[in-house]
Amino acid sequence: MHWLWVFIVGLVVGIIAKALTPGKEAMGFIITAILGIAGSFLSTYIGEKLGWWGETGLVHFLGSIGGAIVLLAIYHMLFRRNAST
């Protein structure tokens, strides 16, 4: 049940991370949701394994947002469109 909650929170986290990331973004809801879910899973796994936070809480939620922002930044570096074309 814990990982289902991480999945649901990941959807919300993706939207928040997209809103916090500066610049115009041409990606749709699906990519945003996938990156948010992946960021939430990654942050949850790493944070719990390193003992930074438990299964729930505000720090866990903020860590999920941070994980999603990191994945959004990586996505932008990998799939940046050339502005001159």
C-alpha atoms as a PDB file:
ATOM      1  CA  MET A   1       0.000   0.000   0.000  1.00  0.00           C
ATOM      2  CA  HIS A   2       2.947   2.303   0.682  1.00  0.00           C
ATOM      3  CA  TRP A   3       4.141   2.188  -2.941  1.00  0.00           C
ATOM      4  CA  LEU A   4       0.615   2.922  -4.207  1.00  0.00           C
ATOM      5  CA  TRP A   5       0.675   6.087  -2.103  1.00  0.00           C
ATOM      6  CA  VAL A   6       4.108   6.966  -3.558  1.00  0.00           C
ATOM      7  CA  PHE A   7       2.590   6.555  -7.055  1.00  0.00           C
ATOM      8  CA  ILE A   8      -0.350   8.851  -6.270  1.00  0.00           C
ATOM      9  CA  VAL A   9       1.850  11.463  -4.607  1.00  0.00           C
ATOM     10  CA  GLY A  10       4.182  11.229  -7.617  1.00  0.00           C
ATOM     11  CA  LEU A  11       1.421  12.507  -9.888  1.00  0.00           C
ATOM     12  CA  VAL A  12       0.958  15.587  -7.721  1.00  0.00           C
ATOM     13  CA  VAL A  13       4.712  16.011  -7.290  1.00  0.00           C
ATOM     14  CA  GLY A  14       5.217  16.026 -11.078  1.00  0.00           C
ATOM     15  CA  ILE A  15       2.793  18.910 -11.470  1.00  0.00           C
ATOM     16  CA  ILE A  16       4.394  20.858  -8.618  1.00  0.00           C
ATOM     17  CA  ALA A  17       7.907  20.229  -9.962  1.00  0.00           C
ATOM     18  CA  LYS A  18       6.873  21.409 -13.419  1.00  0.00           C
ATOM     19  CA  ALA A  19       5.428  24.582 -11.912  1.00  0.00           C
ATOM     20  CA  LEU A  20       8.650  25.233  -9.951  1.00  0.00           C
ATOM     21  CA  THR A  21      10.952  24.624 -12.916  1.00  0.00           C
ATOM     22  CA  PRO A  22      11.609  27.871 -14.820  1.00  0.00           C
ATOM     23  CA  GLY A  23      11.224  28.240 -18.548  1.00  0.00           C
ATOM     24  CA  LYS A  24       8.718  27.267 -21.189  1.00  0.00           C
ATOM     25  CA  GLU A  25       8.108  23.557 -21.379  1.00  0.00           C
ATOM     26  CA  ALA A  26       6.535  21.775 -24.309  1.00  0.00           C
ATOM     27  CA  MET A  27       6.060  18.440 -22.570  1.00  0.00           C
ATOM     28  CA  GLY A  28       2.626  17.129 -21.862  1.00  0.00           C
ATOM     29  CA  PHE A  29       0.877  15.803 -18.799  1.00  0.00           C
ATOM     30  CA  ILE A  30       1.961  12.198 -19.408  1.00  0.00           C
ATOM     31  CA  ILE A  31       5.706  12.980 -19.377  1.00  0.00           C
ATOM     32  CA  THR A  32       5.247  15.282 -16.387  1.00  0.00           C
ATOM     33  CA  ALA A  33       3.372  12.570 -14.496  1.00  0.00           C
ATOM     34  CA  ILE A  34       5.945   9.900 -15.381  1.00  0.00           C
ATOM     35  CA  LEU A  35       8.843  12.105 -14.256  1.00  0.00           C
ATOM     36  CA  GLY A  36       6.979  12.999 -11.056  1.00  0.00           C
ATOM     37  CA  ILE A  37       6.273   9.351 -10.271  1.00  0.00           C
ATOM     38  CA  ALA A  38       9.859   8.343 -11.068  1.00  0.00           C
ATOM     39  CA  GLY A  39      11.208  11.196  -8.930  1.00  0.00           C
ATOM     40  CA  SER A  40       8.961  10.183  -6.066  1.00  0.00           C
ATOM     41  CA  PHE A  41      10.021   6.533  -6.321  1.00  0.00           C
ATOM     42  CA  LEU A  42      13.694   7.457  -6.568  1.00  0.00           C
ATOM     43  CA  SER A  43      13.526   9.896  -3.679  1.00  0.00           C
ATOM     44  CA  THR A  44      11.556   7.437  -1.541  1.00  0.00           C
ATOM     45  CA  TYR A  45      13.963   4.588  -2.182  1.00  0.00           C
ATOM     46  CA  ILE A  46      17.144   6.599  -1.622  1.00  0.00           C
ATOM     47  CA  GLY A  47      15.802   8.583   1.337  1.00  0.00           C
ATOM     48  CA  GLU A  48      14.531   5.537   3.190  1.00  0.00           C
ATOM     49  CA  LYS A  49      17.668   3.465   2.497  1.00  0.00           C
ATOM     50  CA  LEU A  50      19.928   6.255   3.763  1.00  0.00           C
ATOM     51  CA  GLY A  51      17.679   6.869   6.770  1.00  0.00           C
ATOM     52  CA  TRP A  52      16.921  10.479   5.872  1.00  0.00           C
ATOM     53  CA  TRP A  53      13.177  10.054   6.455  1.00  0.00           C
ATOM     54  CA  GLY A  54      10.489   7.511   7.200  1.00  0.00           C
ATOM     55  CA  GLU A  55       7.665   6.304   5.002  1.00  0.00           C
ATOM     56  CA  THR A  56       5.543   9.439   5.405  1.00  0.00           C
ATOM     57  CA  GLY A  57       5.873  13.069   6.377  1.00  0.00           C
ATOM     58  CA  LEU A  58       6.525  16.537   5.050  1.00  0.00           C
ATOM     59  CA  VAL A  59      10.245  15.917   4.523  1.00  0.00           C
ATOM     60  CA  HIS A  60       9.368  12.862   2.438  1.00  0.00           C
ATOM     61  CA  PHE A  61       7.014  14.956   0.289  1.00  0.00           C
ATOM     62  CA  LEU A  62       9.614  17.700  -0.172  1.00  0.00           C
ATOM     63  CA  GLY A  63      12.208  15.075  -1.061  1.00  0.00           C
ATOM     64  CA  SER A  64       9.854  13.721  -3.707  1.00  0.00           C
ATOM     65  CA  ILE A  65       9.506  17.190  -5.220  1.00  0.00           C
ATOM     66  CA  GLY A  66      13.293  17.529  -5.214  1.00  0.00           C
ATOM     67  CA  GLY A  67      13.671  14.156  -6.938  1.00  0.00           C
ATOM     68  CA  ALA A  68      11.152  15.139  -9.605  1.00  0.00           C
ATOM     69  CA  ILE A  69      12.909  18.482 -10.196  1.00  0.00           C
ATOM     70  CA  VAL A  70      16.224  16.672 -10.639  1.00  0.00           C
ATOM     71  CA  LEU A  71      14.644  14.319 -13.185  1.00  0.00           C
ATOM     72  CA  LEU A  72      13.041  17.265 -14.995  1.00  0.00           C
ATOM     73  CA  ALA A  73      16.428  18.960 -15.219  1.00  0.00           C
ATOM     74  CA  ILE A  74      18.004  15.768 -16.598  1.00  0.00           C
ATOM     75  CA  TYR A  75      15.138  15.434 -19.075  1.00  0.00           C
ATOM     76  CA  HIS A  76      15.704  19.009 -20.271  1.00  0.00           C
ATOM     77  CA  MET A  77      19.442  18.432 -20.695  1.00  0.00           C
ATOM     78  CA  LEU A  78      18.877  15.257 -22.707  1.00  0.00           C
ATOM     79  CA  PHE A  79      15.950  16.380 -24.853  1.00  0.00           C
ATOM     80  CA  ARG A  80      16.524  20.112 -25.193  1.00  0.00           C
ATOM     81  CA  ARG A  81      15.328  21.392 -28.516  1.00  0.00           C
ATOM     82  CA  ASN A  82      17.586  23.699 -30.420  1.00  0.00           C
ATOM     83  CA  ALA A  83      16.061  27.188 -30.281  1.00  0.00           C
ATOM     84  CA  SER A  84      17.725  28.288 -33.512  1.00  0.00           C
ATOM     85  CA  THR A  85      15.854  25.764 -35.701  1.00  0.00           C
END
